[in-house]
């Protein structure tokens, strides 16, 4: 199955804890980017993105192994999660 819905969560100063969203889409692909102020805020956002059907979730902005693991635990084993440092 081709990737058609991608989630991206990034940390950045000044973002709202519930996340600020940008959606880029075509007829066959959608990317949802969400900014959060801290890695801890990504857990709830990741759960929301999983419930919306994202097929792959990427984390960026200093999540490290602890918060990456917490996001993976929150979304369950069916959703691949990647993290960059």
PDB file of N, CA and C in Angstrom:
ATOM      1  N   UNK A   1       0.831  -1.170   0.000  1.00  0.00           N
ATOM      2  CA  UNK A   1       0.000   0.000   0.000  1.00  0.00           C
ATOM      3  C   UNK A   1       0.887   1.250   0.000  1.00  0.00           C
ATOM      4  N   UNK A   2       0.614   2.182  -0.881  1.00  0.00           N
ATOM      5  CA  UNK A   2       1.384   3.414  -0.978  1.00  0.00           C
ATOM      6  C   UNK A   2       1.041   4.356   0.167  1.00  0.00           C
ATOM      7  N   UNK A   3       2.011   5.134   0.569  1.00  0.00           N
ATOM      8  CA  UNK A   3       1.799   6.120   1.620  1.00  0.00           C
ATOM      9  C   UNK A   3       0.877   7.220   1.101  1.00  0.00           C
ATOM     10  N   UNK A   4      -0.238   7.426   1.799  1.00  0.00           N
ATOM     11  CA  UNK A   4      -1.168   8.470   1.377  1.00  0.00           C
ATOM     12  C   UNK A   4      -1.466   9.483   2.479  1.00  0.00           C
ATOM     13  N   UNK A   5      -1.052   9.176   3.718  1.00  0.00           N
ATOM     14  CA  UNK A   5      -1.308  10.116   4.817  1.00  0.00           C
ATOM     15  C   UNK A   5      -0.137  10.068   5.790  1.00  0.00           C
ATOM     16  N   UNK A   6       0.571  11.185   5.886  1.00  0.00           N
ATOM     17  CA  UNK A   6       1.818  11.285   6.633  1.00  0.00           C
ATOM     18  C   UNK A   6       1.660  12.318   7.743  1.00  0.00           C
ATOM     19  N   UNK A   7       2.166  12.017   8.932  1.00  0.00           N
ATOM     20  CA  UNK A   7       2.140  12.957  10.041  1.00  0.00           C
ATOM     21  C   UNK A   7       3.538  13.392  10.415  1.00  0.00           C
ATOM     22  N   UNK A   8       3.685  14.657  10.734  1.00  0.00           N
ATOM     23  CA  UNK A   8       4.975  15.225  11.101  1.00  0.00           C
ATOM     24  C   UNK A   8       4.760  16.095  12.333  1.00  0.00           C
ATOM     25  N   UNK A   9       5.504  15.835  13.404  1.00  0.00           N
ATOM     26  CA  UNK A   9       5.402  16.627  14.626  1.00  0.00           C
ATOM     27  C   UNK A   9       6.760  17.243  14.905  1.00  0.00           C
ATOM     28  N   UNK A  10       6.778  18.551  15.103  1.00  0.00           N
ATOM     29  CA  UNK A  10       8.023  19.273  15.352  1.00  0.00           C
ATOM     30  C   UNK A  10       7.874  20.138  16.599  1.00  0.00           C
ATOM     31  N   UNK A  11       8.941  20.217  17.401  1.00  0.00           N
ATOM     32  CA  UNK A  11       8.921  21.102  18.557  1.00  0.00           C
ATOM     33  C   UNK A  11       9.475  22.465  18.161  1.00  0.00           C
ATOM     34  N   UNK A  12       8.900  23.501  18.770  1.00  0.00           N
ATOM     35  CA  UNK A  12       9.382  24.850  18.519  1.00  0.00           C
ATOM     36  C   UNK A  12       8.814  25.817  19.545  1.00  0.00           C
ATOM     37  N   UNK A  13       9.631  26.744  19.957  1.00  0.00           N
ATOM     38  CA  UNK A  13       9.201  27.728  20.948  1.00  0.00           C
ATOM     39  C   UNK A  13       8.002  28.523  20.435  1.00  0.00           C
ATOM     40  N   UNK A  14       7.031  28.693  21.304  1.00  0.00           N
ATOM     41  CA  UNK A  14       5.871  29.508  20.970  1.00  0.00           C
ATOM     42  C   UNK A  14       4.682  28.760  20.398  1.00  0.00           C
ATOM     43  N   UNK A  15       4.860  27.491  20.030  1.00  0.00           N
ATOM     44  CA  UNK A  15       3.708  26.723  19.556  1.00  0.00           C
ATOM     45  C   UNK A  15       2.755  26.456  20.715  1.00  0.00           C
ATOM     46  N   UNK A  16       1.502  26.281  20.414  1.00  0.00           N
ATOM     47  CA  UNK A  16       0.492  25.967  21.415  1.00  0.00           C
ATOM     48  C   UNK A  16       0.651  24.515  21.875  1.00  0.00           C
ATOM     49  N   UNK A  17       0.398  24.210  23.162  1.00  0.00           N
ATOM     50  CA  UNK A  17       0.515  22.826  23.650  1.00  0.00           C
ATOM     51  C   UNK A  17      -0.372  21.832  22.898  1.00  0.00           C
ATOM     52  N   UNK A  18      -1.544  22.246  22.463  1.00  0.00           N
ATOM     53  CA  UNK A  18      -2.422  21.342  21.716  1.00  0.00           C
ATOM     54  C   UNK A  18      -1.958  21.186  20.275  1.00  0.00           C
ATOM     55  N   UNK A  19      -0.993  21.979  19.860  1.00  0.00           N
ATOM     56  CA  UNK A  19      -0.437  21.864  18.518  1.00  0.00           C
ATOM     57  C   UNK A  19      -1.027  22.869  17.552  1.00  0.00           C
ATOM     58  N   UNK A  20      -0.194  23.343  16.660  1.00  0.00           N
ATOM     59  CA  UNK A  20      -0.620  24.200  15.563  1.00  0.00           C
ATOM     60  C   UNK A  20      -0.413  23.403  14.284  1.00  0.00           C
ATOM     61  N   UNK A  21      -1.474  23.333  13.443  1.00  0.00           N
ATOM     62  CA  UNK A  21      -1.478  22.424  12.299  1.00  0.00           C
ATOM     63  C   UNK A  21      -1.388  23.139  10.967  1.00  0.00           C
ATOM     64  N   UNK A  22      -0.703  22.455  10.058  1.00  0.00           N
ATOM     65  CA  UNK A  22      -0.675  22.840   8.652  1.00  0.00           C
ATOM     66  C   UNK A  22      -0.935  21.564   7.870  1.00  0.00           C
ATOM     67  N   UNK A  23      -1.821  21.634   6.900  1.00  0.00           N
ATOM     68  CA  UNK A  23      -2.123  20.464   6.072  1.00  0.00           C
ATOM     69  C   UNK A  23      -1.777  20.787   4.628  1.00  0.00           C
ATOM     70  N   UNK A  24      -0.966  19.916   4.032  1.00  0.00           N
ATOM     71  CA  UNK A  24      -0.650  19.990   2.610  1.00  0.00           C
ATOM     72  C   UNK A  24      -1.248  18.751   1.972  1.00  0.00           C
ATOM     73  N   UNK A  25      -1.990  18.930   0.895  1.00  0.00           N
ATOM     74  CA  UNK A  25      -2.625  17.744   0.313  1.00  0.00           C
ATOM     75  C   UNK A  25      -2.801  17.867  -1.189  1.00  0.00           C
ATOM     76  N   UNK A  26      -2.911  16.694  -1.788  1.00  0.00           N
ATOM     77  CA  UNK A  26      -3.276  16.550  -3.194  1.00  0.00           C
ATOM     78  C   UNK A  26      -4.454  15.585  -3.216  1.00  0.00           C
ATOM     79  N   UNK A  27      -4.855  15.174  -4.396  1.00  0.00           N
ATOM     80  CA  UNK A  27      -5.945  14.201  -4.499  1.00  0.00           C
ATOM     81  C   UNK A  27      -5.573  12.841  -3.918  1.00  0.00           C
ATOM     82  N   UNK A  28      -4.274  12.545  -3.838  1.00  0.00           N
ATOM     83  CA  UNK A  28      -3.850  11.214  -3.410  1.00  0.00           C
ATOM     84  C   UNK A  28      -2.887  11.190  -2.226  1.00  0.00           C
ATOM     85  N   UNK A  29      -2.550  12.351  -1.673  1.00  0.00           N
ATOM     86  CA  UNK A  29      -1.592  12.392  -0.571  1.00  0.00           C
ATOM     87  C   UNK A  29      -1.922  13.553   0.359  1.00  0.00           C
ATOM     88  N   UNK A  30      -1.749  13.297   1.666  1.00  0.00           N
ATOM     89  CA  UNK A  30      -1.958  14.353   2.656  1.00  0.00           C
ATOM     90  C   UNK A  30      -0.839  14.299   3.693  1.00  0.00           C
ATOM     91  N   UNK A  31      -0.267  15.476   3.974  1.00  0.00           N
ATOM     92  CA  UNK A  31       0.712  15.586   5.045  1.00  0.00           C
ATOM     93  C   UNK A  31       0.160  16.555   6.085  1.00  0.00           C
ATOM     94  N   UNK A  32       0.149  16.109   7.341  1.00  0.00           N
ATOM     95  CA  UNK A  32      -0.292  16.955   8.435  1.00  0.00           C
ATOM     96  C   UNK A  32       0.928  17.257   9.292  1.00  0.00           C
ATOM     97  N   UNK A  33       1.310  18.518   9.358  1.00  0.00           N
ATOM     98  CA  UNK A  33       2.432  18.950  10.185  1.00  0.00           C
ATOM     99  C   UNK A  33       1.867  19.663  11.408  1.00  0.00           C
ATOM    100  N   UNK A  34       2.365  19.279  12.585  1.00  0.00           N
ATOM    101  CA  UNK A  34       1.876  19.867  13.830  1.00  0.00           C
ATOM    102  C   UNK A  34       3.071  20.334  14.647  1.00  0.00           C
ATOM    103  N   UNK A  35       3.021  21.603  15.074  1.00  0.00           N
ATOM    104  CA  UNK A  35       4.056  22.148  15.929  1.00  0.00           C
ATOM    105  C   UNK A  35       3.619  22.142  17.378  1.00  0.00           C
ATOM    106  N   UNK A  36       4.491  21.697  18.265  1.00  0.00           N
ATOM    107  CA  UNK A  36       4.226  21.680  19.710  1.00  0.00           C
ATOM    108  C   UNK A  36       5.401  22.360  20.418  1.00  0.00           C
ATOM    109  N   UNK A  37       5.184  22.936  21.626  1.00  0.00           N
ATOM    110  CA  UNK A  37       6.275  23.622  22.300  1.00  0.00           C
ATOM    111  C   UNK A  37       7.311  22.704  22.944  1.00  0.00           C
ATOM    112  N   UNK A  38       6.927  21.483  23.262  1.00  0.00           N
ATOM    113  CA  UNK A  38       7.846  20.553  23.935  1.00  0.00           C
ATOM    114  C   UNK A  38       7.517  19.129  23.537  1.00  0.00           C
ATOM    115  N   UNK A  39       8.497  18.257  23.640  1.00  0.00           N
ATOM    116  CA  UNK A  39       8.311  16.855  23.261  1.00  0.00           C
ATOM    117  C   UNK A  39       7.163  16.206  24.042  1.00  0.00           C
ATOM    118  N   UNK A  40       6.992  16.577  25.293  1.00  0.00           N
ATOM    119  CA  UNK A  40       5.919  15.990  26.110  1.00  0.00           C
ATOM    120  C   UNK A  40       4.539  16.251  25.517  1.00  0.00           C
ATOM    121  N   UNK A  41       4.381  17.372  24.825  1.00  0.00           N
ATOM    122  CA  UNK A  41       3.085  17.704  24.224  1.00  0.00           C
ATOM    123  C   UNK A  41       2.781  16.862  22.995  1.00  0.00           C
ATOM    124  N   UNK A  42       3.771  16.190  22.466  1.00  0.00           N
ATOM    125  CA  UNK A  42       3.588  15.403  21.245  1.00  0.00           C
ATOM    126  C   UNK A  42       2.805  14.117  21.477  1.00  0.00           C
ATOM    127  N   UNK A  43       2.757  13.638  22.695  1.00  0.00           N
ATOM    128  CA  UNK A  43       2.068  12.365  22.958  1.00  0.00           C
ATOM    129  C   UNK A  43       0.586  12.467  22.582  1.00  0.00           C
ATOM    130  N   UNK A  44      -0.091  13.493  23.059  1.00  0.00           N
ATOM    131  CA  UNK A  44      -1.516  13.665  22.738  1.00  0.00           C
ATOM    132  C   UNK A  44      -1.711  13.945  21.254  1.00  0.00           C
ATOM    133  N   UNK A  45      -0.821  14.739  20.673  1.00  0.00           N
ATOM    134  CA  UNK A  45      -0.918  15.046  19.240  1.00  0.00           C
ATOM    135  C   UNK A  45      -0.722  13.779  18.418  1.00  0.00           C
ATOM    136  N   UNK A  46       0.218  12.949  18.799  1.00  0.00           N
ATOM    137  CA  UNK A  46       0.465  11.692  18.081  1.00  0.00           C
ATOM    138  C   UNK A  46      -0.760  10.782  18.152  1.00  0.00           C
ATOM    139  N   UNK A  47      -1.386  10.688  19.313  1.00  0.00           N
ATOM    140  CA  UNK A  47      -2.611   9.886  19.433  1.00  0.00           C
ATOM    141  C   UNK A  47      -3.689  10.408  18.488  1.00  0.00           C
ATOM    142  N   UNK A  48      -3.837  11.727  18.420  1.00  0.00           N
ATOM    143  CA  UNK A  48      -4.832  12.329  17.537  1.00  0.00           C
ATOM    144  C   UNK A  48      -4.526  12.004  16.082  1.00  0.00           C
ATOM    145  N   UNK A  49      -3.266  12.157  15.682  1.00  0.00           N
ATOM    146  CA  UNK A  49      -2.897  11.854  14.300  1.00  0.00           C
ATOM    147  C   UNK A  49      -3.134  10.384  13.978  1.00  0.00           C
ATOM    148  N   UNK A  50      -2.830   9.504  14.923  1.00  0.00           N
ATOM    149  CA  UNK A  50      -3.087   8.074  14.714  1.00  0.00           C
ATOM    150  C   UNK A  50      -4.581   7.828  14.513  1.00  0.00           C
ATOM    151  N   UNK A  51      -5.407   8.501  15.286  1.00  0.00           N
ATOM    152  CA  UNK A  51      -6.860   8.310  15.152  1.00  0.00           C
ATOM    153  C   UNK A  51      -7.384   8.859  13.828  1.00  0.00           C
ATOM    154  N   UNK A  52      -6.628   9.769  13.228  1.00  0.00           N
ATOM    155  CA  UNK A  52      -7.000  10.337  11.931  1.00  0.00           C
ATOM    156  C   UNK A  52      -6.483   9.497  10.760  1.00  0.00           C
ATOM    157  N   UNK A  53      -5.761   8.427  11.071  1.00  0.00           N
ATOM    158  CA  UNK A  53      -5.350   7.497  10.025  1.00  0.00           C
ATOM    159  C   UNK A  53      -4.000   7.754   9.380  1.00  0.00           C
ATOM    160  N   UNK A  54      -3.112   8.521  10.030  1.00  0.00           N
ATOM    161  CA  UNK A  54      -1.790   8.661   9.415  1.00  0.00           C
ATOM    162  C   UNK A  54      -1.120   7.290   9.358  1.00  0.00           C
ATOM    163  N   UNK A  55      -0.345   7.086   8.325  1.00  0.00           N
ATOM    164  CA  UNK A  55       0.310   5.794   8.105  1.00  0.00           C
ATOM    165  C   UNK A  55       1.763   5.786   8.549  1.00  0.00           C
ATOM    166  N   UNK A  56       2.317   6.961   8.760  1.00  0.00           N
ATOM    167  CA  UNK A  56       3.708   7.114   9.168  1.00  0.00           C
ATOM    168  C   UNK A  56       3.796   8.415   9.942  1.00  0.00           C
ATOM    169  N   UNK A  57       4.532   8.401  11.057  1.00  0.00           N
ATOM    170  CA  UNK A  57       4.675   9.590  11.892  1.00  0.00           C
ATOM    171  C   UNK A  57       6.162   9.882  12.072  1.00  0.00           C
ATOM    172  N   UNK A  58       6.545  11.122  11.797  1.00  0.00           N
ATOM    173  CA  UNK A  58       7.936  11.543  11.948  1.00  0.00           C
ATOM    174  C   UNK A  58       8.011  12.608  13.030  1.00  0.00           C
ATOM    175  N   UNK A  59       9.005  12.488  13.911  1.00  0.00           N
ATOM    176  CA  UNK A  59       9.216  13.434  15.005  1.00  0.00           C
ATOM    177  C   UNK A  59      10.515  14.196  14.748  1.00  0.00           C
ATOM    178  N   UNK A  60      10.498  15.500  15.009  1.00  0.00           N
ATOM    179  CA  UNK A  60      11.685  16.309  14.790  1.00  0.00           C
ATOM    180  C   UNK A  60      11.772  17.386  15.867  1.00  0.00           C
ATOM    181  N   UNK A  61      12.976  17.591  16.392  1.00  0.00           N
ATOM    182  CA  UNK A  61      13.154  18.688  17.317  1.00  0.00           C
ATOM    183  C   UNK A  61      13.548  18.296  18.716  1.00  0.00           C
ATOM    184  N   UNK A  62      14.392  17.317  18.863  1.00  0.00           N
ATOM    185  CA  UNK A  62      14.912  16.995  20.181  1.00  0.00           C
ATOM    186  C   UNK A  62      14.066  16.054  21.011  1.00  0.00           C
ATOM    187  N   UNK A  63      13.416  15.105  20.385  1.00  0.00           N
ATOM    188  CA  UNK A  63      12.604  14.142  21.136  1.00  0.00           C
ATOM    189  C   UNK A  63      13.461  13.177  21.936  1.00  0.00           C
ATOM    190  N   UNK A  64      14.604  12.801  21.393  1.00  0.00           N
ATOM    191  CA  UNK A  64      15.474  11.862  22.084  1.00  0.00           C
ATOM    192  C   UNK A  64      14.804  10.511  22.262  1.00  0.00           C
ATOM    193  N   UNK A  65      15.517   9.553  22.836  1.00  0.00           N
ATOM    194  CA  UNK A  65      14.975   8.203  22.950  1.00  0.00           C
ATOM    195  C   UNK A  65      13.789   8.098  23.919  1.00  0.00           C
ATOM    196  N   UNK A  66      13.770   8.893  24.977  1.00  0.00           N
ATOM    197  CA  UNK A  66      12.693   8.773  25.970  1.00  0.00           C
ATOM    198  C   UNK A  66      11.360   9.218  25.386  1.00  0.00           C
ATOM    199  N   UNK A  67      11.299  10.425  24.824  1.00  0.00           N
ATOM    200  CA  UNK A  67      10.016  10.913  24.301  1.00  0.00           C
ATOM    201  C   UNK A  67       9.621  10.211  23.006  1.00  0.00           C
ATOM    202  N   UNK A  68      10.596   9.779  22.222  1.00  0.00           N
ATOM    203  CA  UNK A  68      10.254   8.980  21.049  1.00  0.00           C
ATOM    204  C   UNK A  68       9.577   7.688  21.498  1.00  0.00           C
ATOM    205  N   UNK A  69      10.122   7.034  22.517  1.00  0.00           N
ATOM    206  CA  UNK A  69       9.517   5.800  23.037  1.00  0.00           C
ATOM    207  C   UNK A  69       8.128   6.053  23.596  1.00  0.00           C
ATOM    208  N   UNK A  70       7.911   7.183  24.251  1.00  0.00           N
ATOM    209  CA  UNK A  70       6.586   7.487  24.801  1.00  0.00           C
ATOM    210  C   UNK A  70       5.565   7.701  23.687  1.00  0.00           C
ATOM    211  N   UNK A  71       5.992   8.330  22.594  1.00  0.00           N
ATOM    212  CA  UNK A  71       5.093   8.505  21.447  1.00  0.00           C
ATOM    213  C   UNK A  71       4.782   7.145  20.819  1.00  0.00           C
ATOM    214  N   UNK A  72       5.800   6.312  20.646  1.00  0.00           N
ATOM    215  CA  UNK A  72       5.584   4.974  20.081  1.00  0.00           C
ATOM    216  C   UNK A  72       4.608   4.186  20.944  1.00  0.00           C
ATOM    217  N   UNK A  73       4.776   4.247  22.253  1.00  0.00           N
ATOM    218  CA  UNK A  73       3.860   3.563  23.165  1.00  0.00           C
ATOM    219  C   UNK A  73       2.444   4.119  23.043  1.00  0.00           C
ATOM    220  N   UNK A  74       2.317   5.425  22.880  1.00  0.00           N
ATOM    221  CA  UNK A  74       1.002   6.060  22.802  1.00  0.00           C
ATOM    222  C   UNK A  74       0.226   5.676  21.546  1.00  0.00           C
ATOM    223  N   UNK A  75       0.927   5.520  20.416  1.00  0.00           N
ATOM    224  CA  UNK A  75       0.226   5.228  19.163  1.00  0.00           C
ATOM    225  C   UNK A  75       0.092   3.734  18.897  1.00  0.00           C
ATOM    226  N   UNK A  76       0.854   2.918  19.595  1.00  0.00           N
ATOM    227  CA  UNK A  76       0.761   1.479  19.406  1.00  0.00           C
ATOM    228  C   UNK A  76       1.654   0.976  18.297  1.00  0.00           C
ATOM    229  N   UNK A  77       1.765  -0.343  18.187  1.00  0.00           N
ATOM    230  CA  UNK A  77       2.725  -0.947  17.271  1.00  0.00           C
ATOM    231  C   UNK A  77       2.358  -0.865  15.786  1.00  0.00           C
ATOM    232  N   UNK A  78       1.135  -0.502  15.473  1.00  0.00           N
ATOM    233  CA  UNK A  78       0.720  -0.489  14.071  1.00  0.00           C
ATOM    234  C   UNK A  78       1.136   0.739  13.289  1.00  0.00           C
ATOM    235  N   UNK A  79       1.657   1.765  13.964  1.00  0.00           N
ATOM    236  CA  UNK A  79       2.024   2.998  13.294  1.00  0.00           C
ATOM    237  C   UNK A  79       3.534   3.204  13.393  1.00  0.00           C
ATOM    238  N   UNK A  80       4.256   3.151  12.263  1.00  0.00           N
ATOM    239  CA  UNK A  80       5.699   3.392  12.310  1.00  0.00           C
ATOM    240  C   UNK A  80       5.987   4.833  12.732  1.00  0.00           C
ATOM    241  N   UNK A  81       6.982   4.993  13.619  1.00  0.00           N
ATOM    242  CA  UNK A  81       7.381   6.313  14.101  1.00  0.00           C
ATOM    243  C   UNK A  81       8.876   6.457  13.889  1.00  0.00           C
ATOM    244  N   UNK A  82       9.259   7.546  13.242  1.00  0.00           N
ATOM    245  CA  UNK A  82      10.659   7.854  13.060  1.00  0.00           C
ATOM    246  C   UNK A  82      10.993   9.129  13.822  1.00  0.00           C
ATOM    247  N   UNK A  83      12.259   9.300  14.167  1.00  0.00           N
ATOM    248  CA  UNK A  83      12.685  10.506  14.885  1.00  0.00           C
ATOM    249  C   UNK A  83      14.041  10.944  14.383  1.00  0.00           C
ATOM    250  N   UNK A  84      14.195  12.253  14.215  1.00  0.00           N
ATOM    251  CA  UNK A  84      15.477  12.825  13.849  1.00  0.00           C
ATOM    252  C   UNK A  84      15.933  13.733  14.975  1.00  0.00           C
ATOM    253  N   UNK A  85      17.236  13.865  15.115  1.00  0.00           N
ATOM    254  CA  UNK A  85      17.782  14.616  16.239  1.00  0.00           C
ATOM    255  C   UNK A  85      18.158  16.023  15.930  1.00  0.00           C
TER     256      UNK A  85
END
